[in-house]
Amino acid sequence: MLRTHTKKPRRSVEAIAPPSEAEVVVVVASVTLLVMILGALSESPVWLLGLLVFLPGAASALCTVRQTKFVFAWTGLVVIVTMLVRQGDGRPWLDRILMVLLTLVLGAASVYACHRRISREQEMLRLRSTAAAMQHILRPLPMLTDDVLVNGVYEPVQEDRLVGGDIYDVVDSPWGTRVLIGDVQGKGLPAVGAAFAVIGAFRATAHREPTLTALVDALDASVVRHNSYAAQTGDDERFVTALILNIDAGAEARAINCGHVLPQVLQDATVTTPALTSGVPLGLAELADEPATVDWFVFPPGATLLLTTDGLTETRAADGAFYPLAESLTRRVSLSPTELPRALYDDARAFAGGGGQHDDVAVLTVRRSPNR
């Protein structure tokens, strides 16, 4: 029976609300009145009008585009009217013209900056919503079955990067524990849609199909169906690299590799890479000359299996060098299955640094029960 830890409550993804129309009017009127009073007391209203020039800039950081346009229009009107009314105070006309031009230029720049800010906020909101959707559909780690304990780390999005389609799942079936790890081609909502299709098919068929080949056929069909729907809406077709495992009470594990990163077996301070046949990704089975191949490899009691998406293996430093996963594993082979995924993830981020490339990543450890 599959057991997971209790989910922590997630915060809702919300946009920051701008001030109300009334609040904007009150603030603008108050600042204008203050500037006029200070100008009258100092007998230099023309120069104090420069304080109003910064109102549209402040509005661009907090308000909507419509509100920023209002502040810009109000500021421009006050400055122009004041210049015309005070034309007899002896100030050079060049100064007045420059003040008006400065007000108009900064106001227009503020409206443009506000438009860019809101577009950026909306994009970030979509990204966070997508990441939240992925975290809702993926079961929380760790996951425990009668055969294995699955632990790991999953990082779907960082800063303003597009969320990818890294997926994983575990099903305790009548034929043993079945583990899926995969990576959908592309990023954004279309990739997440394909990820949902694969995970849904895996959960529905892993309990029903007695063989891995039948399970993989069902997963491939789910991607093909998703692509047919995507074509109708004008979206690009996707394929999914995946590794599907079946682990039971025996000392070996069965696997079908659909173009995914190879697993690593860790035992007694040694790291070995099983030789698996690399098939075509899910969604491309029609292009393959042969059906999916089931491979067997040794996975003895007490051993740990490391599974990862290519977000880890394709991490690059600023000079273009790839993250040395094998070397990093050799240094950390003594870590516990709970500590290892986070250690590898943090090490990869440090390796990429500020100028490197670090993508979405899922890193899992599958620990066979010592009693098995």
Protein backbone atom coordinates (compact mmCIF):
# COMPACT_ATOMS: atom_id res chain seq x y z
CA MET A 1 0.00 0.00 0.00
CA LEU A 2 1.40 3.39 -1.00
CA ARG A 3 1.96 5.84 1.86
CA THR A 4 3.01 9.47 1.58
CA HIS A 5 3.75 12.17 4.11
CA THR A 6 1.10 14.76 4.96
CA LYS A 7 0.91 17.65 2.55
CA LYS A 8 1.72 21.09 3.84
CA PRO A 9 -0.91 23.73 3.05
CA ARG A 10 0.03 25.69 -0.03
CA ARG A 11 -0.39 29.41 -0.33
CA SER A 12 -2.76 30.57 -3.06
CA VAL A 13 -1.23 32.25 -6.07
CA GLU A 14 -2.57 35.80 -6.19
CA ALA A 15 -1.65 39.03 -7.91
CA ILE A 16 -0.85 42.14 -5.90
CA ALA A 17 -3.92 44.40 -5.96
CA PRO A 18 -3.36 48.01 -7.15
CA PRO A 19 -4.77 50.94 -5.17
CA SER A 20 -8.38 51.94 -5.78
CA GLU A 21 -9.34 54.84 -8.05
CA ALA A 22 -10.35 56.91 -5.02
CA GLU A 23 -7.00 56.30 -3.31
CA VAL A 24 -5.14 57.43 -6.42
CA VAL A 25 -7.21 60.62 -6.69
CA VAL A 26 -6.73 61.46 -3.00
CA VAL A 27 -2.96 60.91 -3.11
CA VAL A 28 -2.50 62.89 -6.34
CA ALA A 29 -4.65 65.77 -5.08
CA SER A 30 -2.84 65.81 -1.73
CA VAL A 31 0.61 65.90 -3.31
CA THR A 32 -0.48 68.62 -5.76
CA LEU A 33 -1.90 70.74 -2.95
CA LEU A 34 1.26 70.29 -0.90
CA VAL A 35 3.45 71.36 -3.82
CA MET A 36 1.29 74.43 -4.44
CA ILE A 37 1.41 75.46 -0.79
CA LEU A 38 5.17 75.02 -0.63
CA GLY A 39 5.50 76.95 -3.90
CA ALA A 40 3.44 79.86 -2.55
CA LEU A 41 5.44 79.98 0.68
CA SER A 42 8.79 79.81 -1.08
CA GLU A 43 7.78 82.09 -3.97
CA SER A 44 9.24 79.58 -6.44
CA PRO A 45 6.28 77.54 -7.70
CA VAL A 46 7.85 76.84 -11.06
CA TRP A 47 10.78 74.93 -9.65
CA LEU A 48 8.73 73.13 -7.02
CA LEU A 49 6.55 71.81 -9.83
CA GLY A 50 9.46 69.51 -10.52
CA LEU A 51 8.29 67.48 -7.54
CA LEU A 52 5.12 66.59 -9.46
CA VAL A 53 7.18 65.10 -12.26
CA PHE A 54 7.92 62.09 -10.04
CA LEU A 55 4.25 61.28 -9.47
CA PRO A 56 3.81 59.24 -12.69
CA GLY A 57 7.00 57.33 -11.87
CA ALA A 58 5.64 56.36 -8.47
CA ALA A 59 2.31 55.42 -10.03
CA SER A 60 4.00 53.17 -12.60
CA ALA A 61 5.40 51.04 -9.78
CA LEU A 62 2.11 50.59 -7.92
CA CYS A 63 -0.88 51.38 -10.12
CA THR A 64 -2.60 50.08 -13.23
CA VAL A 65 -1.87 51.48 -16.68
CA ARG A 66 -5.13 53.42 -16.60
CA GLN A 67 -4.31 54.95 -13.23
CA THR A 68 -0.79 55.83 -14.39
CA LYS A 69 -2.22 57.55 -17.47
CA PHE A 70 -4.51 59.57 -15.21
CA VAL A 71 -1.60 60.66 -13.02
CA PHE A 72 0.43 61.54 -16.12
CA ALA A 73 -2.43 63.58 -17.60
CA TRP A 74 -3.05 65.37 -14.30
CA THR A 75 0.62 66.18 -13.79
CA GLY A 76 1.01 67.45 -17.33
CA LEU A 77 -2.11 69.60 -17.03
CA VAL A 78 -1.00 71.17 -13.73
CA VAL A 79 2.49 71.93 -15.03
CA ILE A 80 1.28 73.44 -18.31
CA VAL A 81 -1.43 75.57 -16.69
CA THR A 82 0.98 76.82 -14.03
CA MET A 83 3.52 77.77 -16.69
CA LEU A 84 0.92 79.77 -18.59
CA VAL A 85 -0.51 81.48 -15.50
CA ARG A 86 2.95 82.40 -14.17
CA GLN A 87 4.27 83.71 -17.49
CA GLY A 88 4.82 87.17 -16.04
CA ASP A 89 7.10 86.20 -13.16
CA GLY A 90 10.27 86.85 -15.14
CA ARG A 91 11.30 83.22 -15.70
CA PRO A 92 12.89 82.48 -19.10
CA TRP A 93 10.57 80.78 -21.57
CA LEU A 94 13.25 78.18 -22.24
CA ASP A 95 13.02 77.02 -18.63
CA ARG A 96 9.27 76.73 -18.94
CA ILE A 97 9.48 74.77 -22.17
CA LEU A 98 12.08 72.40 -20.71
CA MET A 99 9.90 71.81 -17.64
CA VAL A 100 6.91 70.92 -19.82
CA LEU A 101 8.99 68.65 -22.05
CA LEU A 102 10.52 66.93 -19.02
CA THR A 103 7.06 66.33 -17.58
CA LEU A 104 5.74 64.87 -20.83
CA VAL A 105 8.76 62.65 -21.46
CA LEU A 106 8.90 61.25 -17.92
CA GLY A 107 5.13 60.76 -17.88
CA ALA A 108 5.16 58.82 -21.15
CA ALA A 109 8.09 56.73 -19.90
CA SER A 110 6.16 55.99 -16.70
CA VAL A 111 3.12 54.74 -18.66
CA TYR A 112 5.37 52.48 -20.73
CA ALA A 113 7.15 51.20 -17.61
CA CYS A 114 3.80 50.47 -15.97
CA HIS A 115 2.67 48.50 -19.01
CA ARG A 116 5.88 46.43 -18.95
CA ARG A 117 5.59 45.84 -15.19
CA ILE A 118 2.02 44.57 -15.42
CA SER A 119 2.89 42.31 -18.37
CA ARG A 120 5.76 40.91 -16.34
CA GLU A 121 3.56 40.37 -13.28
CA GLN A 122 0.93 38.58 -15.35
CA GLU A 123 3.56 36.30 -16.86
CA MET A 124 5.00 35.51 -13.43
CA LEU A 125 1.48 34.78 -12.15
CA ARG A 126 0.95 32.31 -14.99
CA LEU A 127 4.29 30.66 -14.23
CA ARG A 128 3.52 30.34 -10.54
CA SER A 129 0.05 29.01 -11.28
CA THR A 130 1.58 26.41 -13.59
CA ALA A 131 4.15 25.41 -10.98
CA ALA A 132 1.43 25.18 -8.35
CA ALA A 133 -0.61 22.95 -10.67
CA MET A 134 2.38 20.62 -11.12
CA GLN A 135 2.94 20.44 -7.38
CA HIS A 136 -0.72 19.59 -6.83
CA ILE A 137 -0.73 16.66 -9.25
CA LEU A 138 2.61 15.20 -8.13
CA ARG A 139 2.45 13.21 -4.94
CA PRO A 140 4.58 14.60 -2.10
CA LEU A 141 7.81 12.89 -1.17
CA PRO A 142 8.76 10.61 0.52
CA MET A 143 6.57 7.72 -0.68
CA LEU A 144 6.67 4.32 0.98
CA THR A 145 5.51 0.94 -0.33
CA ASP A 146 6.04 -2.63 0.84
CA ASP A 147 9.06 -2.86 -1.47
CA VAL A 148 10.80 0.53 -1.47
CA LEU A 149 11.08 3.99 0.04
CA VAL A 150 11.15 6.76 -2.60
CA ASN A 151 12.60 10.10 -1.57
CA GLY A 152 13.84 13.09 -3.50
CA VAL A 153 13.65 16.70 -4.51
CA TYR A 154 11.56 18.35 -7.21
CA GLU A 155 12.16 21.95 -8.31
CA PRO A 156 9.72 22.93 -11.08
CA VAL A 157 10.47 26.63 -11.48
CA GLN A 158 13.04 29.23 -10.51
CA GLU A 159 12.59 32.99 -10.70
CA ASP A 160 11.23 33.85 -14.13
CA ARG A 161 12.07 30.63 -15.93
CA LEU A 162 9.32 28.77 -17.70
CA VAL A 163 8.14 25.75 -15.78
CA GLY A 164 9.01 22.48 -17.41
CA GLY A 165 7.34 19.08 -17.47
CA ASP A 166 9.46 16.97 -15.11
CA ILE A 167 7.26 14.21 -13.70
CA TYR A 168 7.44 11.29 -11.32
CA ASP A 169 5.03 8.89 -9.65
CA VAL A 170 4.94 5.67 -7.65
CA VAL A 171 2.22 3.01 -7.70
CA ASP A 172 2.04 -0.04 -5.44
CA SER A 173 0.60 -2.59 -7.89
CA PRO A 174 -0.21 -6.31 -7.49
CA TRP A 175 3.02 -7.08 -9.39
CA GLY A 176 5.31 -4.91 -7.29
CA THR A 177 6.10 -1.21 -6.95
CA ARG A 178 6.09 0.69 -10.22
CA VAL A 179 8.08 3.90 -10.48
CA LEU A 180 7.85 6.52 -13.22
CA ILE A 181 10.22 9.39 -13.84
CA GLY A 182 10.01 11.46 -17.00
CA ASP A 183 10.60 14.75 -18.73
CA VAL A 184 8.19 16.36 -21.20
CA GLN A 185 9.74 18.12 -24.17
CA GLY A 186 9.35 21.88 -23.96
CA LYS A 187 8.12 24.18 -21.22
CA GLY A 188 5.09 26.13 -20.12
CA LEU A 189 1.45 25.14 -19.98
CA PRO A 190 1.57 22.88 -23.09
CA ALA A 191 4.31 20.79 -21.45
CA VAL A 192 2.34 20.59 -18.22
CA GLY A 193 -0.70 19.37 -20.15
CA ALA A 194 1.32 16.47 -21.57
CA ALA A 195 2.69 15.77 -18.10
CA PHE A 196 -0.86 15.51 -16.72
CA ALA A 197 -1.77 13.06 -19.50
CA VAL A 198 1.16 10.74 -18.72
CA ILE A 199 0.69 10.80 -14.95
CA GLY A 200 -3.04 10.16 -15.28
CA ALA A 201 -2.45 7.22 -17.60
CA PHE A 202 0.25 5.81 -15.29
CA ARG A 203 -2.00 5.90 -12.24
CA ALA A 204 -4.88 4.37 -14.16
CA THR A 205 -2.99 1.50 -15.83
CA ALA A 206 -0.18 0.61 -13.42
CA HIS A 207 -2.75 -1.24 -11.27
CA ARG A 208 -4.33 -2.93 -14.28
CA GLU A 209 -1.59 -4.04 -16.64
CA PRO A 210 0.47 -7.05 -15.51
CA THR A 211 3.40 -6.33 -17.87
CA LEU A 212 5.62 -3.26 -18.26
CA THR A 213 5.27 -3.38 -22.03
CA ALA A 214 1.49 -3.03 -21.80
CA LEU A 215 1.92 -0.19 -19.30
CA VAL A 216 4.32 1.66 -21.59
CA ASP A 217 1.97 1.14 -24.54
CA ALA A 218 -0.78 2.82 -22.52
CA LEU A 219 1.50 5.73 -21.62
CA ASP A 220 2.52 6.16 -25.24
CA ALA A 221 -1.13 6.17 -26.29
CA SER A 222 -1.89 8.89 -23.72
CA VAL A 223 0.76 11.15 -25.25
CA VAL A 224 -0.54 10.46 -28.77
CA ARG A 225 -4.07 11.40 -27.66
CA HIS A 226 -2.77 14.55 -25.99
CA ASN A 227 -0.94 15.52 -29.18
CA SER A 228 -4.08 15.04 -31.26
CA TYR A 229 -5.98 17.42 -28.96
CA ALA A 230 -3.05 19.86 -29.03
CA ALA A 231 -3.06 19.87 -32.83
CA GLN A 232 -6.73 20.86 -32.84
CA THR A 233 -5.98 23.91 -30.68
CA GLY A 234 -2.85 24.91 -32.57
CA ASP A 235 -0.36 23.80 -29.90
CA ASP A 236 2.85 21.97 -30.70
CA GLU A 237 3.06 18.22 -30.32
CA ARG A 238 5.14 16.88 -27.42
CA PHE A 239 7.10 13.76 -26.64
CA VAL A 240 8.09 12.50 -23.21
CA THR A 241 11.32 10.77 -22.21
CA ALA A 242 10.60 8.33 -19.40
CA LEU A 243 12.00 5.53 -17.31
CA ILE A 244 9.49 3.00 -15.97
CA LEU A 245 10.58 0.54 -13.28
CA ASN A 246 9.01 -2.50 -11.64
CA ILE A 247 10.50 -3.51 -8.28
CA ASP A 248 9.23 -6.55 -6.38
CA ALA A 249 10.60 -8.92 -3.74
CA GLY A 250 13.28 -10.30 -6.06
CA ALA A 251 16.90 -9.13 -6.20
CA GLU A 252 16.46 -7.65 -9.66
CA ALA A 253 14.44 -4.76 -11.04
CA ARG A 254 12.74 -4.56 -14.42
CA ALA A 255 12.90 -1.39 -16.50
CA ILE A 256 11.87 0.10 -19.82
CA ASN A 257 13.87 3.12 -20.87
CA CYS A 258 12.07 5.47 -23.24
CA GLY A 259 14.99 7.72 -24.12
CA HIS A 260 15.53 8.85 -20.52
CA VAL A 261 18.61 9.39 -18.34
CA LEU A 262 19.99 6.06 -17.12
CA PRO A 263 19.59 5.16 -13.43
CA GLN A 264 22.49 4.67 -11.03
CA VAL A 265 22.72 1.85 -8.48
CA LEU A 266 24.51 2.78 -5.24
CA GLN A 267 25.68 0.02 -2.90
CA ASP A 268 28.67 -0.42 -0.57
CA ALA A 269 30.31 2.87 -1.64
CA THR A 270 30.17 1.88 -5.32
CA VAL A 271 28.17 3.36 -8.18
CA THR A 272 27.13 1.31 -11.21
CA THR A 273 25.09 2.23 -14.26
CA PRO A 274 22.79 -0.51 -15.56
CA ALA A 275 23.02 -1.16 -19.30
CA LEU A 276 19.48 -0.45 -20.48
CA THR A 277 18.18 -0.44 -24.01
CA SER A 278 17.26 3.11 -24.96
CA GLY A 279 13.92 3.17 -26.76
CA VAL A 280 12.04 6.05 -28.33
CA PRO A 281 10.30 8.61 -26.10
CA LEU A 282 6.61 8.27 -25.30
CA GLY A 283 4.48 9.55 -28.15
CA LEU A 284 6.88 8.33 -30.84
CA ALA A 285 6.34 4.56 -30.67
CA GLU A 286 5.03 4.51 -34.24
CA LEU A 287 8.49 5.58 -35.40
CA ALA A 288 10.23 2.67 -33.67
CA ASP A 289 11.22 -0.45 -35.61
CA GLU A 290 10.77 -2.69 -32.54
CA PRO A 291 8.49 -2.69 -29.51
CA ALA A 292 9.71 -1.48 -26.13
CA THR A 293 12.33 -3.73 -24.53
CA VAL A 294 12.18 -4.86 -20.90
CA ASP A 295 15.63 -4.96 -19.26
CA TRP A 296 16.61 -6.56 -15.98
CA PHE A 297 19.36 -5.31 -13.70
CA VAL A 298 20.63 -6.21 -10.23
CA PHE A 299 19.06 -4.22 -7.41
CA PRO A 300 19.88 -6.11 -4.20
CA PRO A 301 18.49 -5.52 -0.70
CA GLY A 302 19.96 -2.44 0.97
CA ALA A 303 20.89 -0.82 -2.36
CA THR A 304 19.76 2.63 -3.49
CA LEU A 305 18.65 3.55 -6.98
CA LEU A 306 19.22 7.13 -8.15
CA LEU A 307 16.80 8.48 -10.77
CA THR A 308 17.03 11.94 -12.30
CA THR A 309 15.76 14.06 -15.15
CA ASP A 310 18.11 15.70 -17.61
CA GLY A 311 17.80 18.98 -15.72
CA LEU A 312 20.62 17.63 -13.55
CA THR A 313 22.82 16.04 -16.20
CA GLU A 314 22.49 19.04 -18.54
CA THR A 315 23.37 21.66 -15.95
CA ARG A 316 26.18 23.80 -17.35
CA ALA A 317 28.77 26.11 -15.87
CA ALA A 318 29.45 29.54 -17.34
CA ASP A 319 32.19 28.06 -19.55
CA GLY A 320 29.76 25.50 -21.05
CA ALA A 321 31.03 22.48 -19.10
CA PHE A 322 28.36 19.95 -18.09
CA TYR A 323 27.77 19.03 -14.47
CA PRO A 324 29.95 15.96 -13.62
CA LEU A 325 27.26 13.76 -12.11
CA ALA A 326 29.43 10.63 -11.89
CA GLU A 327 32.18 12.47 -10.05
CA SER A 328 29.70 14.14 -7.72
CA LEU A 329 28.05 10.79 -6.96
CA THR A 330 31.40 9.21 -6.12
CA ARG A 331 32.03 11.92 -3.53
CA ARG A 332 28.56 11.58 -2.02
CA VAL A 333 27.90 7.86 -2.24
CA SER A 334 28.01 7.58 1.56
CA LEU A 335 25.10 10.00 2.03
CA SER A 336 21.74 8.62 3.06
CA PRO A 337 18.97 8.29 0.43
CA THR A 338 17.21 11.18 2.17
CA GLU A 339 20.22 13.53 2.00
CA LEU A 340 21.55 12.61 -1.45
CA PRO A 341 18.92 14.25 -3.74
CA ARG A 342 19.16 17.66 -2.06
CA ALA A 343 22.97 17.45 -1.95
CA LEU A 344 23.15 16.77 -5.70
CA TYR A 345 20.65 19.50 -6.50
CA ASP A 346 22.48 22.10 -4.42
CA ASP A 347 25.81 21.04 -5.88
CA ALA A 348 24.47 21.40 -9.42
CA ARG A 349 23.20 24.89 -8.70
CA ALA A 350 26.55 25.88 -7.25
CA PHE A 351 28.28 24.39 -10.30
CA ALA A 352 26.11 26.47 -12.66
CA GLY A 353 26.74 29.65 -10.68
CA GLY A 354 25.33 32.95 -11.81
CA GLY A 355 26.32 32.66 -15.46
CA GLY A 356 25.55 29.01 -16.09
CA GLN A 357 22.45 27.11 -17.13
CA HIS A 358 20.33 25.31 -14.56
CA ASP A 359 16.98 23.87 -15.61
CA ASP A 360 14.02 22.29 -13.83
CA VAL A 361 15.04 19.04 -12.16
CA ALA A 362 13.68 16.01 -10.35
CA VAL A 363 16.08 13.80 -8.39
CA LEU A 364 14.75 10.63 -6.73
CA THR A 365 16.28 7.90 -4.62
CA VAL A 366 14.63 4.48 -4.47
CA ARG A 367 15.77 2.53 -1.43
CA ARG A 368 14.99 -1.16 -1.35
CA SER A 369 13.85 -2.40 2.02
CA PRO A 370 16.69 -4.25 3.84
CA ASN A 371 14.19 -6.98 4.69
CA ARG A 372 13.55 -7.74 1.05
